[in-house]
Amino acid sequence: MVPRGYPNQIHSLDRFLDDATGLHPRSIESKDVPDGPDDLLARIVELEELLAADKARKPKFRKPERQAAWQAELARLNRLL
């Protein structure tokens, strides 16, 4: 890949797919409570999009541990609503 005009070797298929699809989760671990209701809803939408995109991948390219982390964070954020 050549991000920002500089060549970059990527040795991990997972890293390449994340970079190529533009799906960069903030982190696998959940954030602290978002600042306000708008941030909370924005994070929920972001997590739902990440989850849907990962589920749309071929089974061998899915990341079950990330899906589980995103689902756990979604459940936590939905409880805060």
C-alpha atoms as a PDB file:
ATOM      1  CA  MET A   1       0.000   0.000   0.000  1.00  0.00           C
ATOM      2  CA  VAL A   2       1.061   3.578  -0.525  1.00  0.00           C
ATOM      3  CA  PRO A   3      -0.646   5.752   2.089  1.00  0.00           C
ATOM      4  CA  ARG A   4       0.077   9.461   1.841  1.00  0.00           C
ATOM      5  CA  GLY A   5       2.607   8.843  -0.926  1.00  0.00           C
ATOM      6  CA  TYR A   6       4.948   6.680   1.174  1.00  0.00           C
ATOM      7  CA  PRO A   7       5.271   2.938   0.477  1.00  0.00           C
ATOM      8  CA  ASN A   8       4.363   0.745   3.399  1.00  0.00           C
ATOM      9  CA  GLN A   9       4.860  -3.010   3.657  1.00  0.00           C
ATOM     10  CA  ILE A  10       2.061  -4.840   5.384  1.00  0.00           C
ATOM     11  CA  HIS A  11       2.793  -8.391   6.460  1.00  0.00           C
ATOM     12  CA  SER A  12      -0.587  -9.189   7.972  1.00  0.00           C
ATOM     13  CA  LEU A  13      -3.670  -9.948   5.888  1.00  0.00           C
ATOM     14  CA  ASP A  14      -5.927  -8.614   8.656  1.00  0.00           C
ATOM     15  CA  ARG A  15      -4.029  -5.323   8.758  1.00  0.00           C
ATOM     16  CA  PHE A  16      -4.138  -5.044   4.962  1.00  0.00           C
ATOM     17  CA  LEU A  17      -7.886  -5.671   4.847  1.00  0.00           C
ATOM     18  CA  ASP A  18      -8.490  -3.130   7.603  1.00  0.00           C
ATOM     19  CA  ASP A  19      -6.393  -0.531   5.773  1.00  0.00           C
ATOM     20  CA  ALA A  20      -7.910  -1.348   2.374  1.00  0.00           C
ATOM     21  CA  THR A  21     -11.511  -1.176   3.557  1.00  0.00           C
ATOM     22  CA  GLY A  22     -11.011   1.913   5.685  1.00  0.00           C
ATOM     23  CA  LEU A  23     -12.581   0.239   8.700  1.00  0.00           C
ATOM     24  CA  HIS A  24     -10.358   1.346  11.517  1.00  0.00           C
ATOM     25  CA  PRO A  25     -12.037   0.698  14.839  1.00  0.00           C
ATOM     26  CA  ARG A  26     -10.941   3.130  17.521  1.00  0.00           C
ATOM     27  CA  SER A  27      -9.930   0.150  19.566  1.00  0.00           C
ATOM     28  CA  ILE A  28     -11.133  -3.324  20.265  1.00  0.00           C
ATOM     29  CA  GLU A  29     -11.636  -2.423  23.892  1.00  0.00           C
ATOM     30  CA  SER A  30     -14.521  -0.129  24.646  1.00  0.00           C
ATOM     31  CA  LYS A  31     -14.100   3.530  25.289  1.00  0.00           C
ATOM     32  CA  ASP A  32     -15.210   5.186  28.460  1.00  0.00           C
ATOM     33  CA  VAL A  33     -18.662   6.707  28.414  1.00  0.00           C
ATOM     34  CA  PRO A  34     -19.009   9.056  25.405  1.00  0.00           C
ATOM     35  CA  ASP A  35     -19.257  12.762  26.178  1.00  0.00           C
ATOM     36  CA  GLY A  36     -22.909  13.223  25.298  1.00  0.00           C
ATOM     37  CA  PRO A  37     -25.928  11.610  23.685  1.00  0.00           C
ATOM     38  CA  ASP A  38     -24.790  12.606  20.182  1.00  0.00           C
ATOM     39  CA  ASP A  39     -21.401  10.971  20.726  1.00  0.00           C
ATOM     40  CA  LEU A  40     -23.102   7.916  22.195  1.00  0.00           C
ATOM     41  CA  LEU A  41     -25.372   7.516  19.169  1.00  0.00           C
ATOM     42  CA  ALA A  42     -22.510   8.177  16.751  1.00  0.00           C
ATOM     43  CA  ARG A  43     -20.439   5.444  18.400  1.00  0.00           C
ATOM     44  CA  ILE A  44     -23.392   3.020  18.257  1.00  0.00           C
ATOM     45  CA  VAL A  45     -23.809   3.711  14.528  1.00  0.00           C
ATOM     46  CA  GLU A  46     -20.072   3.278  13.979  1.00  0.00           C
ATOM     47  CA  LEU A  47     -20.042  -0.066  15.813  1.00  0.00           C
ATOM     48  CA  GLU A  48     -23.101  -1.314  13.923  1.00  0.00           C
ATOM     49  CA  GLU A  49     -21.424  -0.416  10.604  1.00  0.00           C
ATOM     50  CA  LEU A  50     -18.201  -2.179  11.607  1.00  0.00           C
ATOM     51  CA  LEU A  51     -20.146  -5.254  12.664  1.00  0.00           C
ATOM     52  CA  ALA A  52     -22.213  -5.335   9.464  1.00  0.00           C
ATOM     53  CA  ALA A  53     -19.120  -4.876   7.278  1.00  0.00           C
ATOM     54  CA  ASP A  54     -17.283  -7.669   9.064  1.00  0.00           C
ATOM     55  CA  LYS A  55     -20.261 -10.027   8.797  1.00  0.00           C
ATOM     56  CA  ALA A  56     -20.443  -9.279   5.050  1.00  0.00           C
ATOM     57  CA  ARG A  57     -16.917 -10.637   4.566  1.00  0.00           C
ATOM     58  CA  LYS A  58     -16.263 -14.196   3.500  1.00  0.00           C
ATOM     59  CA  PRO A  59     -16.230 -16.453   6.589  1.00  0.00           C
ATOM     60  CA  LYS A  60     -12.480 -17.062   6.507  1.00  0.00           C
ATOM     61  CA  PHE A  61     -11.788 -13.298   6.588  1.00  0.00           C
ATOM     62  CA  ARG A  62     -14.132 -12.467   9.469  1.00  0.00           C
ATOM     63  CA  LYS A  63     -12.779 -11.490  12.859  1.00  0.00           C
ATOM     64  CA  PRO A  64     -14.927 -13.189  15.525  1.00  0.00           C
ATOM     65  CA  GLU A  65     -12.975 -11.669  18.423  1.00  0.00           C
ATOM     66  CA  ARG A  66     -13.594  -8.158  17.097  1.00  0.00           C
ATOM     67  CA  GLN A  67     -17.250  -8.962  16.468  1.00  0.00           C
ATOM     68  CA  ALA A  68     -17.598 -10.125  20.078  1.00  0.00           C
ATOM     69  CA  ALA A  69     -15.891  -6.973  21.382  1.00  0.00           C
ATOM     70  CA  TRP A  70     -18.078  -4.731  19.208  1.00  0.00           C
ATOM     71  CA  GLN A  71     -21.236  -6.566  20.307  1.00  0.00           C
ATOM     72  CA  ALA A  72     -20.247  -6.248  23.969  1.00  0.00           C
ATOM     73  CA  GLU A  73     -19.610  -2.523  23.552  1.00  0.00           C
ATOM     74  CA  LEU A  74     -22.920  -2.121  21.705  1.00  0.00           C
ATOM     75  CA  ALA A  75     -24.750  -3.826  24.561  1.00  0.00           C
ATOM     76  CA  ARG A  76     -23.019  -1.563  27.092  1.00  0.00           C
ATOM     77  CA  LEU A  77     -23.811   1.581  25.129  1.00  0.00           C
ATOM     78  CA  ASN A  78     -27.446   0.541  24.588  1.00  0.00           C
ATOM     79  CA  ARG A  79     -27.819   0.103  28.363  1.00  0.00           C
ATOM     80  CA  LEU A  80     -26.651   3.704  28.782  1.00  0.00           C
ATOM     81  CA  LEU A  81     -29.441   5.015  26.539  1.00  0.00           C
END
